[in-house]
Amino acid sequence: MASDPATHYASWPNKMKSMKAQAPQIGNSFAAMFQGLMKEGALSVREKELIAVAIAVKDRCEPCIYSHVEKALKCGATSEQIMEAAGVAVVMGGGPSYVYAPLVVAALEHLQNAAPTPTA
């Protein structure tokens, strides 16, 4: 996996595109589940993304951390809310999760300092 956010954000879309080309049933099935569950409901999308950040840290999933930090920011979560979610993950996951919390900081710093992506 990528060891820094710039590498992750630059390479991840192509990695996923390649996987989806090789195994479209995986991508299609996961996409349907994700879209069905991560939409507005009793919890807002922002709240769901904060939960996803916490679970990503707890489960020590580097690509998930980068993905859900980005999505949480896009949904209006603040850096403070994202870091609090990471803190809850550390409470629940202990030391192994603690060492993944810096990835949240790195993702936030990268995304907040990155140039905006042009929209079509």
PDB file of N, CA and C in Angstrom:
ATOM      1  N   MET A   1       0.833  -1.187   0.000  1.00  0.00           N
ATOM      2  CA  MET A   1       0.000   0.000   0.000  1.00  0.00           C
ATOM      3  C   MET A   1       0.877   1.250   0.000  1.00  0.00           C
ATOM      4  N   ALA A   2       0.275   2.351  -0.307  1.00  0.00           N
ATOM      5  CA  ALA A   2       0.989   3.629  -0.341  1.00  0.00           C
ATOM      6  C   ALA A   2       1.424   4.008   1.066  1.00  0.00           C
ATOM      7  N   SER A   3       2.549   4.665   1.169  1.00  0.00           N
ATOM      8  CA  SER A   3       3.019   5.072   2.483  1.00  0.00           C
ATOM      9  C   SER A   3       2.787   6.554   2.743  1.00  0.00           C
ATOM     10  N   ASP A   4       2.284   7.266   1.761  1.00  0.00           N
ATOM     11  CA  ASP A   4       1.999   8.687   1.969  1.00  0.00           C
ATOM     12  C   ASP A   4       0.750   9.051   1.169  1.00  0.00           C
ATOM     13  N   PRO A   5       0.052  10.108   1.603  1.00  0.00           N
ATOM     14  CA  PRO A   5      -1.206  10.445   0.937  1.00  0.00           C
ATOM     15  C   PRO A   5      -1.039  10.842  -0.529  1.00  0.00           C
ATOM     16  N   ALA A   6       0.009  11.555  -0.874  1.00  0.00           N
ATOM     17  CA  ALA A   6       0.176  11.972  -2.268  1.00  0.00           C
ATOM     18  C   ALA A   6       0.265  10.758  -3.188  1.00  0.00           C
ATOM     19  N   THR A   7       1.028   9.760  -2.791  1.00  0.00           N
ATOM     20  CA  THR A   7       1.148   8.540  -3.584  1.00  0.00           C
ATOM     21  C   THR A   7      -0.197   7.826  -3.669  1.00  0.00           C
ATOM     22  N   HIS A   8      -0.880   7.743  -2.535  1.00  0.00           N
ATOM     23  CA  HIS A   8      -2.182   7.073  -2.528  1.00  0.00           C
ATOM     24  C   HIS A   8      -3.160   7.758  -3.474  1.00  0.00           C
ATOM     25  N   TYR A   9      -3.350   9.057  -3.300  1.00  0.00           N
ATOM     26  CA  TYR A   9      -4.358   9.763  -4.089  1.00  0.00           C
ATOM     27  C   TYR A   9      -4.005   9.779  -5.579  1.00  0.00           C
ATOM     28  N   ALA A  10      -2.717   9.701  -5.904  1.00  0.00           N
ATOM     29  CA  ALA A  10      -2.306   9.676  -7.312  1.00  0.00           C
ATOM     30  C   ALA A  10      -2.480   8.302  -7.944  1.00  0.00           C
ATOM     31  N   SER A  11      -2.314   7.240  -7.160  1.00  0.00           N
ATOM     32  CA  SER A  11      -2.301   5.895  -7.746  1.00  0.00           C
ATOM     33  C   SER A  11      -3.574   5.080  -7.515  1.00  0.00           C
ATOM     34  N   TRP A  12      -4.324   5.399  -6.491  1.00  0.00           N
ATOM     35  CA  TRP A  12      -5.463   4.563  -6.120  1.00  0.00           C
ATOM     36  C   TRP A  12      -6.529   4.440  -7.220  1.00  0.00           C
ATOM     37  N   PRO A  13      -6.921   5.519  -7.888  1.00  0.00           N
ATOM     38  CA  PRO A  13      -7.955   5.357  -8.921  1.00  0.00           C
ATOM     39  C   PRO A  13      -7.571   4.338 -10.000  1.00  0.00           C
ATOM     40  N   ASN A  14      -6.321   4.334 -10.425  1.00  0.00           N
ATOM     41  CA  ASN A  14      -5.895   3.370 -11.444  1.00  0.00           C
ATOM     42  C   ASN A  14      -5.852   1.944 -10.901  1.00  0.00           C
ATOM     43  N   LYS A  15      -5.473   1.788  -9.645  1.00  0.00           N
ATOM     44  CA  LYS A  15      -5.473   0.452  -9.036  1.00  0.00           C
ATOM     45  C   LYS A  15      -6.889  -0.101  -8.980  1.00  0.00           C
ATOM     46  N   MET A  16      -7.845   0.723  -8.589  1.00  0.00           N
ATOM     47  CA  MET A  16      -9.233   0.269  -8.505  1.00  0.00           C
ATOM     48  C   MET A  16      -9.801   0.006  -9.898  1.00  0.00           C
ATOM     49  N   LYS A  17      -9.460   0.840 -10.862  1.00  0.00           N
ATOM     50  CA  LYS A  17      -9.932   0.651 -12.239  1.00  0.00           C
ATOM     51  C   LYS A  17      -9.431  -0.689 -12.773  1.00  0.00           C
ATOM     52  N   SER A  18      -8.185  -1.005 -12.509  1.00  0.00           N
ATOM     53  CA  SER A  18      -7.605  -2.270 -12.955  1.00  0.00           C
ATOM     54  C   SER A  18      -8.299  -3.455 -12.290  1.00  0.00           C
ATOM     55  N   MET A  19      -8.538  -3.369 -10.995  1.00  0.00           N
ATOM     56  CA  MET A  19      -9.217  -4.451 -10.291  1.00  0.00           C
ATOM     57  C   MET A  19     -10.623  -4.641 -10.846  1.00  0.00           C
ATOM     58  N   LYS A  20     -11.334  -3.538 -11.080  1.00  0.00           N
ATOM     59  CA  LYS A  20     -12.705  -3.623 -11.603  1.00  0.00           C
ATOM     60  C   LYS A  20     -12.729  -4.222 -13.004  1.00  0.00           C
ATOM     61  N   ALA A  21     -11.700  -3.956 -13.802  1.00  0.00           N
ATOM     62  CA  ALA A  21     -11.626  -4.538 -15.140  1.00  0.00           C
ATOM     63  C   ALA A  21     -11.399  -6.048 -15.070  1.00  0.00           C
ATOM     64  N   GLN A  22     -10.598  -6.477 -14.109  1.00  0.00           N
ATOM     65  CA  GLN A  22     -10.301  -7.899 -13.947  1.00  0.00           C
ATOM     66  C   GLN A  22     -11.427  -8.671 -13.273  1.00  0.00           C
ATOM     67  N   ALA A  23     -12.157  -8.001 -12.397  1.00  0.00           N
ATOM     68  CA  ALA A  23     -13.219  -8.663 -11.625  1.00  0.00           C
ATOM     69  C   ALA A  23     -14.399  -7.707 -11.449  1.00  0.00           C
ATOM     70  N   PRO A  24     -15.121  -7.449 -12.529  1.00  0.00           N
ATOM     71  CA  PRO A  24     -16.211  -6.466 -12.441  1.00  0.00           C
ATOM     72  C   PRO A  24     -17.283  -6.825 -11.419  1.00  0.00           C
ATOM     73  N   GLN A  25     -17.479  -8.113 -11.151  1.00  0.00           N
ATOM     74  CA  GLN A  25     -18.495  -8.493 -10.174  1.00  0.00           C
ATOM     75  C   GLN A  25     -18.148  -7.985  -8.782  1.00  0.00           C
ATOM     76  N   ILE A  26     -16.883  -7.901  -8.464  1.00  0.00           N
ATOM     77  CA  ILE A  26     -16.473  -7.382  -7.157  1.00  0.00           C
ATOM     78  C   ILE A  26     -16.804  -5.893  -7.084  1.00  0.00           C
ATOM     79  N   GLY A  27     -16.374  -5.142  -8.084  1.00  0.00           N
ATOM     80  CA  GLY A  27     -16.632  -3.703  -8.094  1.00  0.00           C
ATOM     81  C   GLY A  27     -18.111  -3.376  -8.125  1.00  0.00           C
ATOM     82  N   ASN A  28     -18.859  -4.064  -8.968  1.00  0.00           N
ATOM     83  CA  ASN A  28     -20.295  -3.790  -9.074  1.00  0.00           C
ATOM     84  C   ASN A  28     -21.043  -4.141  -7.796  1.00  0.00           C
ATOM     85  N   SER A  29     -20.701  -5.256  -7.199  1.00  0.00           N
ATOM     86  CA  SER A  29     -21.376  -5.678  -5.973  1.00  0.00           C
ATOM     87  C   SER A  29     -21.061  -4.734  -4.819  1.00  0.00           C
ATOM     88  N   PHE A  30     -19.784  -4.391  -4.695  1.00  0.00           N
ATOM     89  CA  PHE A  30     -19.405  -3.495  -3.606  1.00  0.00           C
ATOM     90  C   PHE A  30     -20.014  -2.113  -3.812  1.00  0.00           C
ATOM     91  N   ALA A  31     -20.001  -1.625  -5.049  1.00  0.00           N
ATOM     92  CA  ALA A  31     -20.557  -0.297  -5.338  1.00  0.00           C
ATOM     93  C   ALA A  31     -22.034  -0.229  -4.975  1.00  0.00           C
ATOM     94  N   ALA A  32     -22.785  -1.266  -5.301  1.00  0.00           N
ATOM     95  CA  ALA A  32     -24.209  -1.274  -4.985  1.00  0.00           C
ATOM     96  C   ALA A  32     -24.429  -1.232  -3.473  1.00  0.00           C
ATOM     97  N   MET A  33     -23.649  -2.013  -2.732  1.00  0.00           N
ATOM     98  CA  MET A  33     -23.780  -2.019  -1.277  1.00  0.00           C
ATOM     99  C   MET A  33     -23.382  -0.658  -0.699  1.00  0.00           C
ATOM    100  N   PHE A  34     -22.249  -0.133  -1.150  1.00  0.00           N
ATOM    101  CA  PHE A  34     -21.751   1.144  -0.647  1.00  0.00           C
ATOM    102  C   PHE A  34     -22.770   2.249  -0.895  1.00  0.00           C
ATOM    103  N   GLN A  35     -23.261   2.349  -2.124  1.00  0.00           N
ATOM    104  CA  GLN A  35     -24.213   3.409  -2.468  1.00  0.00           C
ATOM    105  C   GLN A  35     -25.517   3.257  -1.696  1.00  0.00           C
ATOM    106  N   GLY A  36     -25.937   2.037  -1.461  1.00  0.00           N
ATOM    107  CA  GLY A  36     -27.167   1.811  -0.719  1.00  0.00           C
ATOM    108  C   GLY A  36     -27.059   2.174   0.745  1.00  0.00           C
ATOM    109  N   LEU A  37     -25.900   1.953   1.326  1.00  0.00           N
ATOM    110  CA  LEU A  37     -25.732   2.167   2.762  1.00  0.00           C
ATOM    111  C   LEU A  37     -25.158   3.530   3.130  1.00  0.00           C
ATOM    112  N   MET A  38     -24.394   4.152   2.252  1.00  0.00           N
ATOM    113  CA  MET A  38     -23.713   5.397   2.606  1.00  0.00           C
ATOM    114  C   MET A  38     -24.465   6.641   2.149  1.00  0.00           C
ATOM    115  N   LYS A  39     -25.763   6.521   1.922  1.00  0.00           N
ATOM    116  CA  LYS A  39     -26.574   7.680   1.556  1.00  0.00           C
ATOM    117  C   LYS A  39     -27.273   8.216   2.806  1.00  0.00           C
ATOM    118  N   GLU A  40     -27.883   9.386   2.663  1.00  0.00           N
ATOM    119  CA  GLU A  40     -28.626   9.976   3.766  1.00  0.00           C
ATOM    120  C   GLU A  40     -29.660   8.996   4.296  1.00  0.00           C
ATOM    121  N   GLY A  41     -29.829   8.988   5.581  1.00  0.00           N
ATOM    122  CA  GLY A  41     -30.816   8.137   6.239  1.00  0.00           C
ATOM    123  C   GLY A  41     -31.013   8.675   7.645  1.00  0.00           C
ATOM    124  N   ALA A  42     -31.183   7.799   8.598  1.00  0.00           N
ATOM    125  CA  ALA A  42     -31.283   8.227   9.991  1.00  0.00           C
ATOM    126  C   ALA A  42     -29.987   8.923  10.421  1.00  0.00           C
ATOM    127  N   LEU A  43     -28.865   8.509   9.807  1.00  0.00           N
ATOM    128  CA  LEU A  43     -27.588   9.196   9.989  1.00  0.00           C
ATOM    129  C   LEU A  43     -27.285   9.966   8.710  1.00  0.00           C
ATOM    130  N   SER A  44     -26.663  11.111   8.855  1.00  0.00           N
ATOM    131  CA  SER A  44     -26.259  11.883   7.680  1.00  0.00           C
ATOM    132  C   SER A  44     -25.056  11.209   7.020  1.00  0.00           C
ATOM    133  N   VAL A  45     -24.794  11.564   5.783  1.00  0.00           N
ATOM    134  CA  VAL A  45     -23.612  11.040   5.090  1.00  0.00           C
ATOM    135  C   VAL A  45     -22.358  11.454   5.854  1.00  0.00           C
ATOM    136  N   ARG A  46     -22.327  12.667   6.363  1.00  0.00           N
ATOM    137  CA  ARG A  46     -21.172  13.131   7.145  1.00  0.00           C
ATOM    138  C   ARG A  46     -20.953  12.236   8.367  1.00  0.00           C
ATOM    139  N   GLU A  47     -22.021  11.929   9.080  1.00  0.00           N
ATOM    140  CA  GLU A  47     -21.884  11.061  10.252  1.00  0.00           C
ATOM    141  C   GLU A  47     -21.393   9.675   9.860  1.00  0.00           C
ATOM    142  N   LYS A  48     -21.916   9.153   8.767  1.00  0.00           N
ATOM    143  CA  LYS A  48     -21.479   7.834   8.303  1.00  0.00           C
ATOM    144  C   LYS A  48     -20.010   7.849   7.909  1.00  0.00           C
ATOM    145  N   GLU A  49     -19.558   8.923   7.280  1.00  0.00           N
ATOM    146  CA  GLU A  49     -18.142   9.013   6.901  1.00  0.00           C
ATOM    147  C   GLU A  49     -17.244   9.130   8.130  1.00  0.00           C
ATOM    148  N   LEU A  50     -17.696   9.825   9.161  1.00  0.00           N
ATOM    149  CA  LEU A  50     -16.916   9.889  10.399  1.00  0.00           C
ATOM    150  C   LEU A  50     -16.815   8.512  11.044  1.00  0.00           C
ATOM    151  N   ILE A  51     -17.907   7.770  11.021  1.00  0.00           N
ATOM    152  CA  ILE A  51     -17.874   6.396  11.528  1.00  0.00           C
ATOM    153  C   ILE A  51     -16.897   5.576  10.698  1.00  0.00           C
ATOM    154  N   ALA A  52     -16.934   5.754   9.380  1.00  0.00           N
ATOM    155  CA  ALA A  52     -16.034   5.009   8.492  1.00  0.00           C
ATOM    156  C   ALA A  52     -14.568   5.357   8.773  1.00  0.00           C
ATOM    157  N   VAL A  53     -14.284   6.627   9.063  1.00  0.00           N
ATOM    158  CA  VAL A  53     -12.909   7.007   9.431  1.00  0.00           C
ATOM    159  C   VAL A  53     -12.491   6.236  10.677  1.00  0.00           C
ATOM    160  N   ALA A  54     -13.349   6.220  11.682  1.00  0.00           N
ATOM    161  CA  ALA A  54     -13.016   5.528  12.927  1.00  0.00           C
ATOM    162  C   ALA A  54     -12.780   4.037  12.688  1.00  0.00           C
ATOM    163  N   ILE A  55     -13.643   3.417  11.918  1.00  0.00           N
ATOM    164  CA  ILE A  55     -13.478   1.983  11.647  1.00  0.00           C
ATOM    165  C   ILE A  55     -12.208   1.735  10.841  1.00  0.00           C
ATOM    166  N   ALA A  56     -11.904   2.619   9.898  1.00  0.00           N
ATOM    167  CA  ALA A  56     -10.688   2.467   9.096  1.00  0.00           C
ATOM    168  C   ALA A  56      -9.444   2.513   9.975  1.00  0.00           C
ATOM    169  N   VAL A  57      -9.416   3.429  10.937  1.00  0.00           N
ATOM    170  CA  VAL A  57      -8.277   3.501  11.859  1.00  0.00           C
ATOM    171  C   VAL A  57      -8.255   2.260  12.750  1.00  0.00           C
ATOM    172  N   LYS A  58      -9.399   1.901  13.286  1.00  0.00           N
ATOM    173  CA  LYS A  58      -9.486   0.730  14.166  1.00  0.00           C
ATOM    174  C   LYS A  58      -9.021  -0.527  13.454  1.00  0.00           C
ATOM    175  N   ASP A  59      -9.427  -0.672  12.177  1.00  0.00           N
ATOM    176  CA  ASP A  59      -9.057  -1.867  11.419  1.00  0.00           C
ATOM    177  C   ASP A  59      -7.708  -1.746  10.709  1.00  0.00           C
ATOM    178  N   ARG A  60      -7.070  -0.577  10.845  1.00  0.00           N
ATOM    179  CA  ARG A  60      -5.745  -0.347  10.289  1.00  0.00           C
ATOM    180  C   ARG A  60      -5.721  -0.545   8.775  1.00  0.00           C
ATOM    181  N   CYS A  61      -6.710   0.075   8.115  1.00  0.00           N
ATOM    182  CA  CYS A  61      -6.833  -0.010   6.656  1.00  0.00           C
ATOM    183  C   CYS A  61      -6.404   1.325   6.047  1.00  0.00           C
ATOM    184  N   GLU A  62      -5.175   1.370   5.590  1.00  0.00           N
ATOM    185  CA  GLU A  62      -4.607   2.603   5.056  1.00  0.00           C
ATOM    186  C   GLU A  62      -5.425   3.185   3.902  1.00  0.00           C
ATOM    187  N   PRO A  63      -5.776   2.407   2.873  1.00  0.00           N
ATOM    188  CA  PRO A  63      -6.585   2.997   1.794  1.00  0.00           C
ATOM    189  C   PRO A  63      -7.940   3.498   2.301  1.00  0.00           C
ATOM    190  N   CYS A  64      -8.513   2.795   3.258  1.00  0.00           N
ATOM    191  CA  CYS A  64      -9.805   3.221   3.816  1.00  0.00           C
ATOM    192  C   CYS A  64      -9.660   4.540   4.564  1.00  0.00           C
ATOM    193  N   ILE A  65      -8.579   4.706   5.297  1.00  0.00           N
ATOM    194  CA  ILE A  65      -8.337   5.962   6.008  1.00  0.00           C
ATOM    195  C   ILE A  65      -8.297   7.103   5.010  1.00  0.00           C
ATOM    196  N   TYR A  66      -7.476   6.958   3.975  1.00  0.00           N
ATOM    197  CA  TYR A  66      -7.354   8.032   2.993  1.00  0.00           C
ATOM    198  C   TYR A  66      -8.688   8.316   2.301  1.00  0.00           C
ATOM    199  N   SER A  67      -9.401   7.278   1.946  1.00  0.00           N
ATOM    200  CA  SER A  67     -10.671   7.442   1.244  1.00  0.00           C
ATOM    201  C   SER A  67     -11.721   8.131   2.111  1.00  0.00           C
ATOM    202  N   HIS A  68     -11.866   7.677   3.342  1.00  0.00           N
ATOM    203  CA  HIS A  68     -12.948   8.208   4.168  1.00  0.00           C
ATOM    204  C   HIS A  68     -12.615   9.559   4.792  1.00  0.00           C
ATOM    205  N   VAL A  69     -11.344   9.863   4.991  1.00  0.00           N
ATOM    206  CA  VAL A  69     -10.989  11.229   5.391  1.00  0.00           C
ATOM    207  C   VAL A  69     -11.391  12.195   4.275  1.00  0.00           C
ATOM    208  N   GLU A  70     -11.055  11.832   3.041  1.00  0.00           N
ATOM    209  CA  GLU A  70     -11.409  12.680   1.905  1.00  0.00           C
ATOM    210  C   GLU A  70     -12.930  12.848   1.800  1.00  0.00           C
ATOM    211  N   LYS A  71     -13.663  11.769   1.902  1.00  0.00           N
ATOM    212  CA  LYS A  71     -15.123  11.831   1.791  1.00  0.00           C
ATOM    213  C   LYS A  71     -15.734  12.599   2.952  1.00  0.00           C
ATOM    214  N   ALA A  72     -15.193  12.427   4.147  1.00  0.00           N
ATOM    215  CA  ALA A  72     -15.714  13.163   5.303  1.00  0.00           C
ATOM    216  C   ALA A  72     -15.538  14.669   5.111  1.00  0.00           C
ATOM    217  N   LEU A  73     -14.371  15.070   4.621  1.00  0.00           N
ATOM    218  CA  LEU A  73     -14.148  16.500   4.352  1.00  0.00           C
ATOM    219  C   LEU A  73     -15.140  17.011   3.311  1.00  0.00           C
ATOM    220  N   LYS A  74     -15.350  16.234   2.244  1.00  0.00           N
ATOM    221  CA  LYS A  74     -16.274  16.645   1.194  1.00  0.00           C
ATOM    222  C   LYS A  74     -17.711  16.747   1.703  1.00  0.00           C
ATOM    223  N   CYS A  75     -18.031  16.001   2.750  1.00  0.00           N
ATOM    224  CA  CYS A  75     -19.382  16.033   3.327  1.00  0.00           C
ATOM    225  C   CYS A  75     -19.524  17.108   4.398  1.00  0.00           C
ATOM    226  N   GLY A  76     -18.470  17.878   4.613  1.00  0.00           N
ATOM    227  CA  GLY A  76     -18.555  18.980   5.559  1.00  0.00           C
ATOM    228  C   GLY A  76     -18.004  18.721   6.945  1.00  0.00           C
ATOM    229  N   ALA A  77     -17.383  17.574   7.160  1.00  0.00           N
ATOM    230  CA  ALA A  77     -16.778  17.316   8.465  1.00  0.00           C
ATOM    231  C   ALA A  77     -15.558  18.223   8.638  1.00  0.00           C
ATOM    232  N   THR A  78     -15.329  18.649   9.851  1.00  0.00           N
ATOM    233  CA  THR A  78     -14.159  19.467  10.156  1.00  0.00           C
ATOM    234  C   THR A  78     -12.969  18.564  10.494  1.00  0.00           C
ATOM    235  N   SER A  79     -11.796  19.125  10.440  1.00  0.00           N
ATOM    236  CA  SER A  79     -10.598  18.384  10.848  1.00  0.00           C
ATOM    237  C   SER A  79     -10.732  17.904  12.283  1.00  0.00           C
ATOM    238  N   GLU A  80     -11.305  18.743  13.125  1.00  0.00           N
ATOM    239  CA  GLU A  80     -11.480  18.390  14.533  1.00  0.00           C
ATOM    240  C   GLU A  80     -12.411  17.192  14.682  1.00  0.00           C
ATOM    241  N   GLN A  81     -13.501  17.153  13.912  1.00  0.00           N
ATOM    242  CA  GLN A  81     -14.423  16.019  13.981  1.00  0.00           C
ATOM    243  C   GLN A  81     -13.749  14.743  13.482  1.00  0.00           C
ATOM    244  N   ILE A  82     -12.977  14.870  12.430  1.00  0.00           N
ATOM    245  CA  ILE A  82     -12.287  13.713  11.876  1.00  0.00           C
ATOM    246  C   ILE A  82     -11.266  13.175  12.871  1.00  0.00           C
ATOM    247  N   MET A  83     -10.520  14.071  13.506  1.00  0.00           N
ATOM    248  CA  MET A  83      -9.539  13.625  14.492  1.00  0.00           C
ATOM    249  C   MET A  83     -10.216  13.044  15.730  1.00  0.00           C
ATOM    250  N   GLU A  84     -11.375  13.562  16.105  1.00  0.00           N
ATOM    251  CA  GLU A  84     -12.109  12.970  17.228  1.00  0.00           C
ATOM    252  C   GLU A  84     -12.552  11.556  16.893  1.00  0.00           C
ATOM    253  N   ALA A  85     -13.011  11.355  15.660  1.00  0.00           N
ATOM    254  CA  ALA A  85     -13.393  10.009  15.230  1.00  0.00           C
ATOM    255  C   ALA A  85     -12.183   9.075  15.302  1.00  0.00           C
ATOM    256  N   ALA A  86     -11.022   9.565  14.875  1.00  0.00           N
ATOM    257  CA  ALA A  86      -9.803   8.764  14.973  1.00  0.00           C
ATOM    258  C   ALA A  86      -9.476   8.460  16.433  1.00  0.00           C
ATOM    259  N   GLY A  87      -9.728   9.423  17.304  1.00  0.00           N
ATOM    260  CA  GLY A  87      -9.488   9.213  18.730  1.00  0.00           C
ATOM    261  C   GLY A  87     -10.371   8.127  19.316  1.00  0.00           C
ATOM    262  N   VAL A  88     -11.619   8.092  18.895  1.00  0.00           N
ATOM    263  CA  VAL A  88     -12.524   7.032  19.357  1.00  0.00           C
ATOM    264  C   VAL A  88     -11.988   5.678  18.897  1.00  0.00           C
ATOM    265  N   ALA A  89     -11.483   5.630  17.675  1.00  0.00           N
ATOM    266  CA  ALA A  89     -10.911   4.388  17.167  1.00  0.00           C
ATOM    267  C   ALA A  89      -9.727   3.935  18.017  1.00  0.00           C
ATOM    268  N   VAL A  90      -8.900   4.866  18.438  1.00  0.00           N
ATOM    269  CA  VAL A  90      -7.754   4.530  19.273  1.00  0.00           C
ATOM    270  C   VAL A  90      -8.222   3.985  20.620  1.00  0.00           C
ATOM    271  N   VAL A  91      -9.275   4.596  21.187  1.00  0.00           N
ATOM    272  CA  VAL A  91      -9.825   4.084  22.453  1.00  0.00           C
ATOM    273  C   VAL A  91     -10.255   2.628  22.278  1.00  0.00           C
ATOM    274  N   MET A  92     -10.894   2.342  21.169  1.00  0.00           N
ATOM    275  CA  MET A  92     -11.427   1.001  20.942  1.00  0.00           C
ATOM    276  C   MET A  92     -10.366   0.011  20.465  1.00  0.00           C
ATOM    277  N   GLY A  93      -9.334   0.513  19.781  1.00  0.00           N
ATOM    278  CA  GLY A  93      -8.352  -0.389  19.181  1.00  0.00           C
ATOM    279  C   GLY A  93      -6.994  -0.415  19.851  1.00  0.00           C
ATOM    280  N   GLY A  94      -6.756   0.516  20.773  1.00  0.00           N
ATOM    281  CA  GLY A  94      -5.491   0.531  21.482  1.00  0.00           C
ATOM    282  C   GLY A  94      -4.293   0.885  20.614  1.00  0.00           C
ATOM    283  N   GLY A  95      -3.144   0.387  21.021  1.00  0.00           N
ATOM    284  CA  GLY A  95      -1.882   0.709  20.372  1.00  0.00           C
ATOM    285  C   GLY A  95      -1.839   0.449  18.882  1.00  0.00           C
ATOM    286  N   PRO A  96      -2.338  -0.702  18.410  1.00  0.00           N
ATOM    287  CA  PRO A  96      -2.294  -0.937  16.968  1.00  0.00           C
ATOM    288  C   PRO A  96      -3.067   0.113  16.166  1.00  0.00           C
ATOM    289  N   SER A  97      -4.157   0.633  16.716  1.00  0.00           N
ATOM    290  CA  SER A  97      -4.897   1.698  16.031  1.00  0.00           C
ATOM    291  C   SER A  97      -4.211   3.042  16.216  1.00  0.00           C
ATOM    292  N   TYR A  98      -3.592   3.241  17.361  1.00  0.00           N
ATOM    293  CA  TYR A  98      -2.898   4.497  17.671  1.00  0.00           C
ATOM    294  C   TYR A  98      -1.850   4.833  16.613  1.00  0.00           C
ATOM    295  N   VAL A  99      -1.140   3.821  16.141  1.00  0.00           N
ATOM    296  CA  VAL A  99      -0.074   4.084  15.181  1.00  0.00           C
ATOM    297  C   VAL A  99      -0.607   4.387  13.780  1.00  0.00           C
ATOM    298  N   TYR A 100      -1.908   4.221  13.558  1.00  0.00           N
ATOM    299  CA  TYR A 100      -2.521   4.586  12.287  1.00  0.00           C
ATOM    300  C   TYR A 100      -3.153   5.976  12.319  1.00  0.00           C
ATOM    301  N   ALA A 101      -3.341   6.547  13.497  1.00  0.00           N
ATOM    302  CA  ALA A 101      -3.914   7.892  13.605  1.00  0.00           C
ATOM    303  C   ALA A 101      -3.077   8.938  12.866  1.00  0.00           C
ATOM    304  N   PRO A 102      -1.743   8.838  12.838  1.00  0.00           N
ATOM    305  CA  PRO A 102      -0.976   9.814  12.060  1.00  0.00           C
ATOM    306  C   PRO A 102      -1.315   9.823  10.566  1.00  0.00           C
ATOM    307  N   LEU A 103      -1.824   8.718  10.040  1.00  0.00           N
ATOM    308  CA  LEU A 103      -2.237   8.705   8.633  1.00  0.00           C
ATOM    309  C   LEU A 103      -3.426   9.636   8.421  1.00  0.00           C
ATOM    310  N   VAL A 104      -4.279   9.760   9.425  1.00  0.00           N
ATOM    311  CA  VAL A 104      -5.408  10.680   9.337  1.00  0.00           C
ATOM    312  C   VAL A 104      -4.877  12.110   9.251  1.00  0.00           C
ATOM    313  N   VAL A 105      -3.911  12.425  10.088  1.00  0.00           N
ATOM    314  CA  VAL A 105      -3.298  13.755  10.057  1.00  0.00           C
ATOM    315  C   VAL A 105      -2.653  14.003   8.692  1.00  0.00           C
ATOM    316  N   ALA A 106      -1.927  13.027   8.185  1.00  0.00           N
ATOM    317  CA  ALA A 106      -1.267  13.176   6.883  1.00  0.00           C
ATOM    318  C   ALA A 106      -2.288  13.388   5.772  1.00  0.00           C
ATOM    319  N   ALA A 107      -3.381  12.633   5.812  1.00  0.00           N
ATOM    320  CA  ALA A 107      -4.424  12.801   4.791  1.00  0.00           C
ATOM    321  C   ALA A 107      -5.037  14.194   4.876  1.00  0.00           C
ATOM    322  N   LEU A 108      -5.353  14.635   6.089  1.00  0.00           N
ATOM    323  CA  LEU A 108      -5.919  15.975   6.259  1.00  0.00           C
ATOM    324  C   LEU A 108      -4.974  17.038   5.730  1.00  0.00           C
ATOM    325  N   GLU A 109      -3.714  16.954   6.111  1.00  0.00           N
ATOM    326  CA  GLU A 109      -2.738  17.946   5.658  1.00  0.00           C
ATOM    327  C   GLU A 109      -2.622  17.938   4.139  1.00  0.00           C
ATOM    328  N   HIS A 110      -2.577  16.762   3.556  1.00  0.00           N
ATOM    329  CA  HIS A 110      -2.461  16.668   2.102  1.00  0.00           C
ATOM    330  C   HIS A 110      -3.685  17.269   1.417  1.00  0.00           C
ATOM    331  N   LEU A 111      -4.854  16.868   1.846  1.00  0.00           N
ATOM    332  CA  LEU A 111      -6.082  17.318   1.204  1.00  0.00           C
ATOM    333  C   LEU A 111      -6.322  18.807   1.405  1.00  0.00           C
ATOM    334  N   GLN A 112      -5.961  19.333   2.551  1.00  0.00           N
ATOM    335  CA  GLN A 112      -6.178  20.745   2.811  1.00  0.00           C
ATOM    336  C   GLN A 112      -5.152  21.634   2.094  1.00  0.00           C
ATOM    337  N   ASN A 113      -4.040  21.051   1.700  1.00  0.00           N
ATOM    338  CA  ASN A 113      -3.006  21.816   0.988  1.00  0.00           C
ATOM    339  C   ASN A 113      -2.987  21.545  -0.508  1.00  0.00           C
ATOM    340  N   ALA A 114      -3.785  20.575  -0.959  1.00  0.00           N
ATOM    341  CA  ALA A 114      -3.822  20.219  -2.379  1.00  0.00           C
ATOM    342  C   ALA A 114      -4.598  21.266  -3.162  1.00  0.00           C
ATOM    343  N   ALA A 115      -4.184  21.450  -4.387  1.00  0.00           N
ATOM    344  CA  ALA A 115      -4.910  22.371  -5.272  1.00  0.00           C
ATOM    345  C   ALA A 115      -6.268  21.768  -5.581  1.00  0.00           C
ATOM    346  N   PRO A 116      -7.290  22.599  -5.700  1.00  0.00           N
ATOM    347  CA  PRO A 116      -8.621  22.062  -6.024  1.00  0.00           C
ATOM    348  C   PRO A 116      -8.602  21.369  -7.388  1.00  0.00           C
ATOM    349  N   THR A 117      -9.356  20.267  -7.458  1.00  0.00           N
ATOM    350  CA  THR A 117      -9.475  19.526  -8.712  1.00  0.00           C
ATOM    351  C   THR A 117     -10.471  20.227  -9.604  1.00  0.00           C
ATOM    352  N   PRO A 118     -10.086  20.516 -10.863  1.00  0.00           N
ATOM    353  CA  PRO A 118     -11.033  21.181 -11.769  1.00  0.00           C
ATOM    354  C   PRO A 118     -12.253  20.293 -12.011  1.00  0.00           C
ATOM    355  N   THR A 119     -13.418  20.890 -12.073  1.00  0.00           N
ATOM    356  CA  THR A 119     -14.633  20.148 -12.360  1.00  0.00           C
ATOM    357  C   THR A 119     -15.031  20.366 -13.806  1.00  0.00           C
ATOM    358  N   ALA A 120     -15.611  19.349 -14.397  1.00  0.00           N
ATOM    359  CA  ALA A 120     -15.995  19.446 -15.820  1.00  0.00           C
ATOM    360  C   ALA A 120     -17.356  20.070 -15.962  1.00  0.00           C
TER     361      ALA A 120
END
